mmCIF file of all heavy atoms, coordinates in Angstrom:
data_MODEL
# 
_entry.id   MODEL 
# 
loop_
_atom_site.group_PDB 
_atom_site.id 
_atom_site.type_symbol 
_atom_site.label_atom_id 
_atom_site.label_alt_id 
_atom_site.label_comp_id 
_atom_site.label_asym_id 
_atom_site.label_entity_id 
_atom_site.label_seq_id 
_atom_site.pdbx_PDB_ins_code 
_atom_site.Cartn_x 
_atom_site.Cartn_y 
_atom_site.Cartn_z 
_atom_site.occupancy 
_atom_site.B_iso_or_equiv 
_atom_site.pdbx_formal_charge 
_atom_site.auth_seq_id 
_atom_site.auth_comp_id 
_atom_site.auth_asym_id 
_atom_site.auth_atom_id 
_atom_site.pdbx_PDB_model_num 
ATOM 1   N N   . ILE A 1 1  ? -85.225 -55.442 -12.350 1.00 0.00 ? 1  ILE A N   1 
ATOM 2   C CA  . ILE A 1 1  ? -85.816 -54.670 -11.251 1.00 0.00 ? 1  ILE A CA  1 
ATOM 3   C C   . ILE A 1 1  ? -85.159 -55.061 -9.930  1.00 0.00 ? 1  ILE A C   1 
ATOM 4   O O   . ILE A 1 1  ? -84.773 -54.193 -9.131  1.00 0.00 ? 1  ILE A O   1 
ATOM 5   C CB  . ILE A 1 1  ? -87.344 -54.881 -11.192 1.00 0.00 ? 1  ILE A CB  1 
ATOM 6   C CG1 . ILE A 1 1  ? -88.010 -54.214 -12.396 1.00 0.00 ? 1  ILE A CG1 1 
ATOM 7   C CG2 . ILE A 1 1  ? -87.921 -54.344 -9.886  1.00 0.00 ? 1  ILE A CG2 1 
ATOM 8   C CD1 . ILE A 1 1  ? -89.469 -54.576 -12.575 1.00 0.00 ? 1  ILE A CD1 1 
ATOM 9   N N   . ASN A 1 2  ? -85.008 -56.361 -9.704  1.00 0.00 ? 2  ASN A N   1 
ATOM 10  C CA  . ASN A 1 2  ? -84.369 -56.835 -8.471  1.00 0.00 ? 2  ASN A CA  1 
ATOM 11  C C   . ASN A 1 2  ? -82.930 -56.358 -8.381  1.00 0.00 ? 2  ASN A C   1 
ATOM 12  O O   . ASN A 1 2  ? -82.465 -55.937 -7.312  1.00 0.00 ? 2  ASN A O   1 
ATOM 13  C CB  . ASN A 1 2  ? -84.422 -58.358 -8.401  1.00 0.00 ? 2  ASN A CB  1 
ATOM 14  C CG  . ASN A 1 2  ? -85.816 -58.881 -8.187  1.00 0.00 ? 2  ASN A CG  1 
ATOM 15  O OD1 . ASN A 1 2  ? -86.700 -58.157 -7.733  1.00 0.00 ? 2  ASN A OD1 1 
ATOM 16  N ND2 . ASN A 1 2  ? -86.030 -60.136 -8.534  1.00 0.00 ? 2  ASN A ND2 1 
ATOM 17  N N   . GLN A 1 3  ? -82.211 -56.411 -9.493  1.00 0.00 ? 3  GLN A N   1 
ATOM 18  C CA  . GLN A 1 3  ? -80.828 -55.954 -9.528  1.00 0.00 ? 3  GLN A CA  1 
ATOM 19  C C   . GLN A 1 3  ? -80.747 -54.464 -9.183  1.00 0.00 ? 3  GLN A C   1 
ATOM 20  O O   . GLN A 1 3  ? -79.896 -54.036 -8.411  1.00 0.00 ? 3  GLN A O   1 
ATOM 21  C CB  . GLN A 1 3  ? -80.240 -56.229 -10.907 1.00 0.00 ? 3  GLN A CB  1 
ATOM 22  C CG  . GLN A 1 3  ? -78.776 -55.877 -11.037 1.00 0.00 ? 3  GLN A CG  1 
ATOM 23  C CD  . GLN A 1 3  ? -78.275 -56.138 -12.439 1.00 0.00 ? 3  GLN A CD  1 
ATOM 24  O OE1 . GLN A 1 3  ? -78.932 -55.770 -13.423 1.00 0.00 ? 3  GLN A OE1 1 
ATOM 25  N NE2 . GLN A 1 3  ? -77.125 -56.762 -12.539 1.00 0.00 ? 3  GLN A NE2 1 
ATOM 26  N N   . ARG A 1 4  ? -81.625 -53.661 -9.764  1.00 0.00 ? 4  ARG A N   1 
ATOM 27  C CA  . ARG A 1 4  ? -81.630 -52.223 -9.521  1.00 0.00 ? 4  ARG A CA  1 
ATOM 28  C C   . ARG A 1 4  ? -81.936 -51.916 -8.055  1.00 0.00 ? 4  ARG A C   1 
ATOM 29  O O   . ARG A 1 4  ? -81.309 -51.047 -7.443  1.00 0.00 ? 4  ARG A O   1 
ATOM 30  C CB  . ARG A 1 4  ? -82.674 -51.554 -10.431 1.00 0.00 ? 4  ARG A CB  1 
ATOM 31  C CG  . ARG A 1 4  ? -82.722 -50.058 -10.334 1.00 0.00 ? 4  ARG A CG  1 
ATOM 32  C CD  . ARG A 1 4  ? -81.544 -49.458 -11.023 1.00 0.00 ? 4  ARG A CD  1 
ATOM 33  N NE  . ARG A 1 4  ? -80.743 -48.750 -10.048 1.00 0.00 ? 4  ARG A NE  1 
ATOM 34  C CZ  . ARG A 1 4  ? -79.546 -48.247 -10.277 1.00 0.00 ? 4  ARG A CZ  1 
ATOM 35  N NH1 . ARG A 1 4  ? -78.987 -48.376 -11.434 1.00 0.00 ? 4  ARG A NH1 1 
ATOM 36  N NH2 . ARG A 1 4  ? -78.883 -47.621 -9.343  1.00 0.00 ? 4  ARG A NH2 1 
ATOM 37  N N   . GLU A 1 5  ? -82.915 -52.632 -7.476  1.00 0.00 ? 5  GLU A N   1 
ATOM 38  C CA  . GLU A 1 5  ? -83.250 -52.429 -6.065  1.00 0.00 ? 5  GLU A CA  1 
ATOM 39  C C   . GLU A 1 5  ? -82.071 -52.766 -5.170  1.00 0.00 ? 5  GLU A C   1 
ATOM 40  O O   . GLU A 1 5  ? -81.787 -52.056 -4.206  1.00 0.00 ? 5  GLU A O   1 
ATOM 41  C CB  . GLU A 1 5  ? -84.469 -53.268 -5.683  1.00 0.00 ? 5  GLU A CB  1 
ATOM 42  C CG  . GLU A 1 5  ? -85.775 -52.755 -6.245  1.00 0.00 ? 5  GLU A CG  1 
ATOM 43  C CD  . GLU A 1 5  ? -86.949 -53.681 -5.971  1.00 0.00 ? 5  GLU A CD  1 
ATOM 44  O OE1 . GLU A 1 5  ? -86.749 -54.789 -5.433  1.00 0.00 ? 5  GLU A OE1 1 
ATOM 45  O OE2 . GLU A 1 5  ? -88.083 -53.286 -6.308  1.00 0.00 ? 5  GLU A OE2 1 
ATOM 46  N N   . SER A 1 6  ? -81.376 -53.840 -5.488  1.00 0.00 ? 6  SER A N   1 
ATOM 47  C CA  . SER A 1 6  ? -80.212 -54.232 -4.701  1.00 0.00 ? 6  SER A CA  1 
ATOM 48  C C   . SER A 1 6  ? -79.113 -53.172 -4.795  1.00 0.00 ? 6  SER A C   1 
ATOM 49  O O   . SER A 1 6  ? -78.501 -52.797 -3.790  1.00 0.00 ? 6  SER A O   1 
ATOM 50  C CB  . SER A 1 6  ? -79.692 -55.579 -5.196  1.00 0.00 ? 6  SER A CB  1 
ATOM 51  O OG  . SER A 1 6  ? -78.551 -55.964 -4.489  1.00 0.00 ? 6  SER A OG  1 
ATOM 52  N N   . LEU A 1 7  ? -78.866 -52.689 -5.991  1.00 0.00 ? 7  LEU A N   1 
ATOM 53  C CA  . LEU A 1 7  ? -77.850 -51.655 -6.186  1.00 0.00 ? 7  LEU A CA  1 
ATOM 54  C C   . LEU A 1 7  ? -78.226 -50.360 -5.472  1.00 0.00 ? 7  LEU A C   1 
ATOM 55  O O   . LEU A 1 7  ? -77.387 -49.711 -4.851  1.00 0.00 ? 7  LEU A O   1 
ATOM 56  C CB  . LEU A 1 7  ? -77.657 -51.402 -7.680  1.00 0.00 ? 7  LEU A CB  1 
ATOM 57  C CG  . LEU A 1 7  ? -76.458 -50.574 -8.087  1.00 0.00 ? 7  LEU A CG  1 
ATOM 58  C CD1 . LEU A 1 7  ? -75.163 -51.177 -7.565  1.00 0.00 ? 7  LEU A CD1 1 
ATOM 59  C CD2 . LEU A 1 7  ? -76.411 -50.443 -9.595  1.00 0.00 ? 7  LEU A CD2 1 
ATOM 60  N N   . ASP A 1 8  ? -79.504 -50.004 -5.521  1.00 0.00 ? 8  ASP A N   1 
ATOM 61  C CA  . ASP A 1 8  ? -79.971 -48.803 -4.813  1.00 0.00 ? 8  ASP A CA  1 
ATOM 62  C C   . ASP A 1 8  ? -79.746 -48.928 -3.315  1.00 0.00 ? 8  ASP A C   1 
ATOM 63  O O   . ASP A 1 8  ? -79.359 -47.961 -2.651  1.00 0.00 ? 8  ASP A O   1 
ATOM 64  C CB  . ASP A 1 8  ? -81.451 -48.539 -5.095  1.00 0.00 ? 8  ASP A CB  1 
ATOM 65  C CG  . ASP A 1 8  ? -81.698 -48.032 -6.506  1.00 0.00 ? 8  ASP A CG  1 
ATOM 66  O OD1 . ASP A 1 8  ? -80.726 -47.604 -7.168  1.00 0.00 ? 8  ASP A OD1 1 
ATOM 67  O OD2 . ASP A 1 8  ? -82.859 -48.079 -6.950  1.00 0.00 ? 8  ASP A OD2 1 
ATOM 68  N N   . LYS A 1 9  ? -79.976 -50.113 -2.763  1.00 0.00 ? 9  LYS A N   1 
ATOM 69  C CA  . LYS A 1 9  ? -79.763 -50.332 -1.331  1.00 0.00 ? 9  LYS A CA  1 
ATOM 70  C C   . LYS A 1 9  ? -78.285 -50.178 -0.992  1.00 0.00 ? 9  LYS A C   1 
ATOM 71  O O   . LYS A 1 9  ? -77.938 -49.554 0.011   1.00 0.00 ? 9  LYS A O   1 
ATOM 72  C CB  . LYS A 1 9  ? -80.273 -51.709 -0.919  1.00 0.00 ? 9  LYS A CB  1 
ATOM 73  C CG  . LYS A 1 9  ? -80.156 -51.954 0.562   1.00 0.00 ? 9  LYS A CG  1 
ATOM 74  C CD  . LYS A 1 9  ? -80.749 -53.283 0.982   1.00 0.00 ? 9  LYS A CD  1 
ATOM 75  C CE  . LYS A 1 9  ? -80.602 -53.456 2.483   1.00 0.00 ? 9  LYS A CE  1 
ATOM 76  N NZ  . LYS A 1 9  ? -81.141 -54.719 2.941   1.00 0.00 ? 9  LYS A NZ  1 
ATOM 77  N N   . LEU A 1 10 ? -77.413 -50.737 -1.825  1.00 0.00 ? 10 LEU A N   1 
ATOM 78  C CA  . LEU A 1 10 ? -75.975 -50.575 -1.602  1.00 0.00 ? 10 LEU A CA  1 
ATOM 79  C C   . LEU A 1 10 ? -75.571 -49.114 -1.648  1.00 0.00 ? 10 LEU A C   1 
ATOM 80  O O   . LEU A 1 10 ? -74.763 -48.649 -0.851  1.00 0.00 ? 10 LEU A O   1 
ATOM 81  C CB  . LEU A 1 10 ? -75.175 -51.359 -2.643  1.00 0.00 ? 10 LEU A CB  1 
ATOM 82  C CG  . LEU A 1 10 ? -75.097 -52.860 -2.488  1.00 0.00 ? 10 LEU A CG  1 
ATOM 83  C CD1 . LEU A 1 10 ? -74.346 -53.468 -3.668  1.00 0.00 ? 10 LEU A CD1 1 
ATOM 84  C CD2 . LEU A 1 10 ? -74.445 -53.254 -1.186  1.00 0.00 ? 10 LEU A CD2 1 
ATOM 85  N N   . ASP A 1 11 ? -76.134 -48.381 -2.618  1.00 0.00 ? 11 ASP A N   1 
ATOM 86  C CA  . ASP A 1 11 ? -75.813 -46.959 -2.745  1.00 0.00 ? 11 ASP A CA  1 
ATOM 87  C C   . ASP A 1 11 ? -76.272 -46.176 -1.520  1.00 0.00 ? 11 ASP A C   1 
ATOM 88  O O   . ASP A 1 11 ? -75.566 -45.304 -1.021  1.00 0.00 ? 11 ASP A O   1 
ATOM 89  C CB  . ASP A 1 11 ? -76.456 -46.372 -3.999  1.00 0.00 ? 11 ASP A CB  1 
ATOM 90  C CG  . ASP A 1 11 ? -75.725 -46.772 -5.271  1.00 0.00 ? 11 ASP A CG  1 
ATOM 91  O OD1 . ASP A 1 11 ? -74.573 -47.225 -5.178  1.00 0.00 ? 11 ASP A OD1 1 
ATOM 92  O OD2 . ASP A 1 11 ? -76.319 -46.630 -6.349  1.00 0.00 ? 11 ASP A OD2 1 
ATOM 93  N N   . LYS A 1 12 ? -77.469 -46.487 -1.037  1.00 0.00 ? 12 LYS A N   1 
ATOM 94  C CA  . LYS A 1 12 ? -78.023 -45.780 0.109   1.00 0.00 ? 12 LYS A CA  1 
ATOM 95  C C   . LYS A 1 12 ? -77.140 -45.974 1.345   1.00 0.00 ? 12 LYS A C   1 
ATOM 96  O O   . LYS A 1 12 ? -76.937 -45.064 2.134   1.00 0.00 ? 12 LYS A O   1 
ATOM 97  C CB  . LYS A 1 12 ? -79.441 -46.270 0.411   1.00 0.00 ? 12 LYS A CB  1 
ATOM 98  C CG  . LYS A 1 12 ? -80.140 -45.497 1.523   1.00 0.00 ? 12 LYS A CG  1 
ATOM 99  C CD  . LYS A 1 12 ? -81.519 -46.058 1.796   1.00 0.00 ? 12 LYS A CD  1 
ATOM 100 C CE  . LYS A 1 12 ? -82.456 -45.597 0.701   1.00 0.00 ? 12 LYS A CE  1 
ATOM 101 N NZ  . LYS A 1 12 ? -83.848 -45.967 0.949   1.00 0.00 ? 12 LYS A NZ  1 
ATOM 102 N N   . GLU A 1 13 ? -76.609 -47.167 1.498   1.00 0.00 ? 13 GLU A N   1 
ATOM 103 C CA  . GLU A 1 13 ? -75.770 -47.478 2.658   1.00 0.00 ? 13 GLU A CA  1 
ATOM 104 C C   . GLU A 1 13 ? -74.294 -47.200 2.390   1.00 0.00 ? 13 GLU A C   1 
ATOM 105 O O   . GLU A 1 13 ? -73.448 -47.471 3.237   1.00 0.00 ? 13 GLU A O   1 
ATOM 106 C CB  . GLU A 1 13 ? -75.977 -48.942 3.045   1.00 0.00 ? 13 GLU A CB  1 
ATOM 107 C CG  . GLU A 1 13 ? -77.411 -49.235 3.468   1.00 0.00 ? 13 GLU A CG  1 
ATOM 108 C CD  . GLU A 1 13 ? -77.694 -50.720 3.624   1.00 0.00 ? 13 GLU A CD  1 
ATOM 109 O OE1 . GLU A 1 13 ? -76.773 -51.536 3.436   1.00 0.00 ? 13 GLU A OE1 1 
ATOM 110 O OE2 . GLU A 1 13 ? -78.846 -51.053 3.931   1.00 0.00 ? 13 GLU A OE2 1 
ATOM 111 N N   . ASN A 1 14 ? -73.990 -46.705 1.185   1.00 0.00 ? 14 ASN A N   1 
ATOM 112 C CA  . ASN A 1 14 ? -72.622 -46.360 0.784   1.00 0.00 ? 14 ASN A CA  1 
ATOM 113 C C   . ASN A 1 14 ? -71.687 -47.572 0.777   1.00 0.00 ? 14 ASN A C   1 
ATOM 114 O O   . ASN A 1 14 ? -70.477 -47.426 0.850   1.00 0.00 ? 14 ASN A O   1 
ATOM 115 C CB  . ASN A 1 14 ? -72.061 -45.249 1.664   1.00 0.00 ? 14 ASN A CB  1 
ATOM 116 C CG  . ASN A 1 14 ? -71.035 -44.418 0.926   1.00 0.00 ? 14 ASN A CG  1 
ATOM 117 O OD1 . ASN A 1 14 ? -71.053 -44.323 -0.295  1.00 0.00 ? 14 ASN A OD1 1 
ATOM 118 N ND2 . ASN A 1 14 ? -70.119 -43.837 1.667   1.00 0.00 ? 14 ASN A ND2 1 
ATOM 119 N N   . LYS A 1 15 ? -72.244 -48.767 0.690   1.00 0.00 ? 15 LYS A N   1 
ATOM 120 C CA  . LYS A 1 15 ? -71.428 -49.983 0.742   1.00 0.00 ? 15 LYS A CA  1 
ATOM 121 C C   . LYS A 1 15 ? -70.558 -50.160 -0.493  1.00 0.00 ? 15 LYS A C   1 
ATOM 122 O O   . LYS A 1 15 ? -69.466 -50.708 -0.389  1.00 0.00 ? 15 LYS A O   1 
ATOM 123 C CB  . LYS A 1 15 ? -72.313 -51.208 0.944   1.00 0.00 ? 15 LYS A CB  1 
ATOM 124 C CG  . LYS A 1 15 ? -72.890 -51.278 2.332   1.00 0.00 ? 15 LYS A CG  1 
ATOM 125 C CD  . LYS A 1 15 ? -73.675 -52.547 2.544   1.00 0.00 ? 15 LYS A CD  1 
ATOM 126 C CE  . LYS A 1 15 ? -74.234 -52.594 3.953   1.00 0.00 ? 15 LYS A CE  1 
ATOM 127 N NZ  . LYS A 1 15 ? -74.981 -53.814 4.202   1.00 0.00 ? 15 LYS A NZ  1 
ATOM 128 N N   . ARG A 1 16 ? -71.033 -49.689 -1.638  1.00 0.00 ? 16 ARG A N   1 
ATOM 129 C CA  . ARG A 1 16 ? -70.219 -49.818 -2.848  1.00 0.00 ? 16 ARG A CA  1 
ATOM 130 C C   . ARG A 1 16 ? -68.904 -49.070 -2.693  1.00 0.00 ? 16 ARG A C   1 
ATOM 131 O O   . ARG A 1 16 ? -67.828 -49.600 -3.003  1.00 0.00 ? 16 ARG A O   1 
ATOM 132 C CB  . ARG A 1 16 ? -70.971 -49.276 -4.064  1.00 0.00 ? 16 ARG A CB  1 
ATOM 133 C CG  . ARG A 1 16 ? -72.102 -50.157 -4.514  1.00 0.00 ? 16 ARG A CG  1 
ATOM 134 C CD  . ARG A 1 16 ? -72.924 -49.531 -5.592  1.00 0.00 ? 16 ARG A CD  1 
ATOM 135 N NE  . ARG A 1 16 ? -72.149 -49.334 -6.805  1.00 0.00 ? 16 ARG A NE  1 
ATOM 136 C CZ  . ARG A 1 16 ? -72.547 -48.575 -7.808  1.00 0.00 ? 16 ARG A CZ  1 
ATOM 137 N NH1 . ARG A 1 16 ? -73.680 -47.923 -7.755  1.00 0.00 ? 16 ARG A NH1 1 
ATOM 138 N NH2 . ARG A 1 16 ? -71.804 -48.449 -8.886  1.00 0.00 ? 16 ARG A NH2 1 
ATOM 139 N N   . GLU A 1 17 ? -68.977 -47.844 -2.230  1.00 0.00 ? 17 GLU A N   1 
ATOM 140 C CA  . GLU A 1 17 ? -67.761 -47.038 -2.081  1.00 0.00 ? 17 GLU A CA  1 
ATOM 141 C C   . GLU A 1 17 ? -66.861 -47.596 -0.983  1.00 0.00 ? 17 GLU A C   1 
ATOM 142 O O   . GLU A 1 17 ? -65.640 -47.546 -1.100  1.00 0.00 ? 17 GLU A O   1 
ATOM 143 C CB  . GLU A 1 17 ? -68.114 -45.578 -1.824  1.00 0.00 ? 17 GLU A CB  1 
ATOM 144 C CG  . GLU A 1 17 ? -68.824 -44.912 -2.985  1.00 0.00 ? 17 GLU A CG  1 
ATOM 145 C CD  . GLU A 1 17 ? -68.049 -45.011 -4.301  1.00 0.00 ? 17 GLU A CD  1 
ATOM 146 O OE1 . GLU A 1 17 ? -66.823 -44.799 -4.308  1.00 0.00 ? 17 GLU A OE1 1 
ATOM 147 O OE2 . GLU A 1 17 ? -68.686 -45.313 -5.326  1.00 0.00 ? 17 GLU A OE2 1 
ATOM 148 N N   . ILE A 1 18 ? -67.453 -48.110 0.073   1.00 0.00 ? 18 ILE A N   1 
ATOM 149 C CA  . ILE A 1 18 ? -66.665 -48.708 1.155   1.00 0.00 ? 18 ILE A CA  1 
ATOM 150 C C   . ILE A 1 18 ? -65.905 -49.918 0.640   1.00 0.00 ? 18 ILE A C   1 
ATOM 151 O O   . ILE A 1 18 ? -64.708 -50.070 0.900   1.00 0.00 ? 18 ILE A O   1 
ATOM 152 C CB  . ILE A 1 18 ? -67.580 -49.075 2.354   1.00 0.00 ? 18 ILE A CB  1 
ATOM 153 C CG1 . ILE A 1 18 ? -68.101 -47.802 3.010   1.00 0.00 ? 18 ILE A CG1 1 
ATOM 154 C CG2 . ILE A 1 18 ? -66.832 -49.956 3.357   1.00 0.00 ? 18 ILE A CG2 1 
ATOM 155 C CD1 . ILE A 1 18 ? -69.211 -48.036 4.023   1.00 0.00 ? 18 ILE A CD1 1 
ATOM 156 N N   . LEU A 1 19 ? -66.580 -50.788 -0.118  1.00 0.00 ? 19 LEU A N   1 
ATOM 157 C CA  . LEU A 1 19 ? -65.908 -51.965 -0.674  1.00 0.00 ? 19 LEU A CA  1 
ATOM 158 C C   . LEU A 1 19 ? -64.811 -51.573 -1.655  1.00 0.00 ? 19 LEU A C   1 
ATOM 159 O O   . LEU A 1 19 ? -63.727 -52.163 -1.649  1.00 0.00 ? 19 LEU A O   1 
ATOM 160 C CB  . LEU A 1 19 ? -66.914 -52.892 -1.360  1.00 0.00 ? 19 LEU A CB  1 
ATOM 161 C CG  . LEU A 1 19 ? -67.653 -53.852 -0.456  1.00 0.00 ? 19 LEU A CG  1 
ATOM 162 C CD1 . LEU A 1 19 ? -68.681 -54.643 -1.252  1.00 0.00 ? 19 LEU A CD1 1 
ATOM 163 C CD2 . LEU A 1 19 ? -66.702 -54.795 0.242   1.00 0.00 ? 19 LEU A CD2 1 
ATOM 164 N N   . LYS A 1 20 ? -65.069 -50.571 -2.475  1.00 0.00 ? 20 LYS A N   1 
ATOM 165 C CA  . LYS A 1 20 ? -64.035 -50.103 -3.403  1.00 0.00 ? 20 LYS A CA  1 
ATOM 166 C C   . LYS A 1 20 ? -62.810 -49.614 -2.636  1.00 0.00 ? 20 LYS A C   1 
ATOM 167 O O   . LYS A 1 20 ? -61.673 -49.925 -3.000  1.00 0.00 ? 20 LYS A O   1 
ATOM 168 C CB  . LYS A 1 20 ? -64.566 -48.977 -4.287  1.00 0.00 ? 20 LYS A CB  1 
ATOM 169 C CG  . LYS A 1 20 ? -65.478 -49.416 -5.383  1.00 0.00 ? 20 LYS A CG  1 
ATOM 170 C CD  . LYS A 1 20 ? -65.821 -48.189 -6.221  1.00 0.00 ? 20 LYS A CD  1 
ATOM 171 C CE  . LYS A 1 20 ? -67.005 -48.388 -7.079  1.00 0.00 ? 20 LYS A CE  1 
ATOM 172 N NZ  . LYS A 1 20 ? -67.348 -47.185 -7.852  1.00 0.00 ? 20 LYS A NZ  1 
ATOM 173 N N   . ALA A 1 21 ? -63.043 -48.859 -1.588  1.00 0.00 ? 21 ALA A N   1 
ATOM 174 C CA  . ALA A 1 21 ? -61.937 -48.349 -0.771  1.00 0.00 ? 21 ALA A CA  1 
ATOM 175 C C   . ALA A 1 21 ? -61.161 -49.498 -0.131  1.00 0.00 ? 21 ALA A C   1 
ATOM 176 O O   . ALA A 1 21 ? -59.930 -49.453 -0.053  1.00 0.00 ? 21 ALA A O   1 
ATOM 177 C CB  . ALA A 1 21 ? -62.458 -47.392 0.296   1.00 0.00 ? 21 ALA A CB  1 
ATOM 178 N N   . GLN A 1 22 ? -61.855 -50.516 0.318   1.00 0.00 ? 22 GLN A N   1 
ATOM 179 C CA  . GLN A 1 22 ? -61.186 -51.671 0.921   1.00 0.00 ? 22 GLN A CA  1 
ATOM 180 C C   . GLN A 1 22 ? -60.342 -52.417 -0.110  1.00 0.00 ? 22 GLN A C   1 
ATOM 181 O O   . GLN A 1 22 ? -59.219 -52.823 0.183   1.00 0.00 ? 22 GLN A O   1 
ATOM 182 C CB  . GLN A 1 22 ? -62.209 -52.610 1.553   1.00 0.00 ? 22 GLN A CB  1 
ATOM 183 C CG  . GLN A 1 22 ? -62.854 -52.048 2.794   1.00 0.00 ? 22 GLN A CG  1 
ATOM 184 C CD  . GLN A 1 22 ? -63.978 -52.922 3.324   1.00 0.00 ? 22 GLN A CD  1 
ATOM 185 O OE1 . GLN A 1 22 ? -64.661 -53.607 2.570   1.00 0.00 ? 22 GLN A OE1 1 
ATOM 186 N NE2 . GLN A 1 22 ? -64.178 -52.893 4.631   1.00 0.00 ? 22 GLN A NE2 1 
ATOM 187 N N   . VAL A 1 23 ? -60.869 -52.583 -1.315  1.00 0.00 ? 23 VAL A N   1 
ATOM 188 C CA  . VAL A 1 23 ? -60.110 -53.235 -2.382  1.00 0.00 ? 23 VAL A CA  1 
ATOM 189 C C   . VAL A 1 23 ? -58.841 -52.441 -2.682  1.00 0.00 ? 23 VAL A C   1 
ATOM 190 O O   . VAL A 1 23 ? -57.744 -53.005 -2.774  1.00 0.00 ? 23 VAL A O   1 
ATOM 191 C CB  . VAL A 1 23 ? -60.973 -53.399 -3.657  1.00 0.00 ? 23 VAL A CB  1 
ATOM 192 C CG1 . VAL A 1 23 ? -60.117 -53.820 -4.850  1.00 0.00 ? 23 VAL A CG1 1 
ATOM 193 C CG2 . VAL A 1 23 ? -62.094 -54.393 -3.425  1.00 0.00 ? 23 VAL A CG2 1 
ATOM 194 N N   . LEU A 1 24 ? -58.978 -51.137 -2.797  1.00 0.00 ? 24 LEU A N   1 
ATOM 195 C CA  . LEU A 1 24 ? -57.821 -50.289 -3.093  1.00 0.00 ? 24 LEU A CA  1 
ATOM 196 C C   . LEU A 1 24 ? -56.796 -50.325 -1.965  1.00 0.00 ? 24 LEU A C   1 
ATOM 197 O O   . LEU A 1 24 ? -55.589 -50.343 -2.214  1.00 0.00 ? 24 LEU A O   1 
ATOM 198 C CB  . LEU A 1 24 ? -58.273 -48.860 -3.361  1.00 0.00 ? 24 LEU A CB  1 
ATOM 199 C CG  . LEU A 1 24 ? -59.098 -48.658 -4.633  1.00 0.00 ? 24 LEU A CG  1 
ATOM 200 C CD1 . LEU A 1 24 ? -59.619 -47.232 -4.705  1.00 0.00 ? 24 LEU A CD1 1 
ATOM 201 C CD2 . LEU A 1 24 ? -58.303 -49.030 -5.867  1.00 0.00 ? 24 LEU A CD2 1 
# 
């Protein structure tokens, strides 16, 4: 549950995609 909430927060702030773009 905690993991899912954390991932949802990242998705809401679009941080996952931003980090992926930075890595690339």
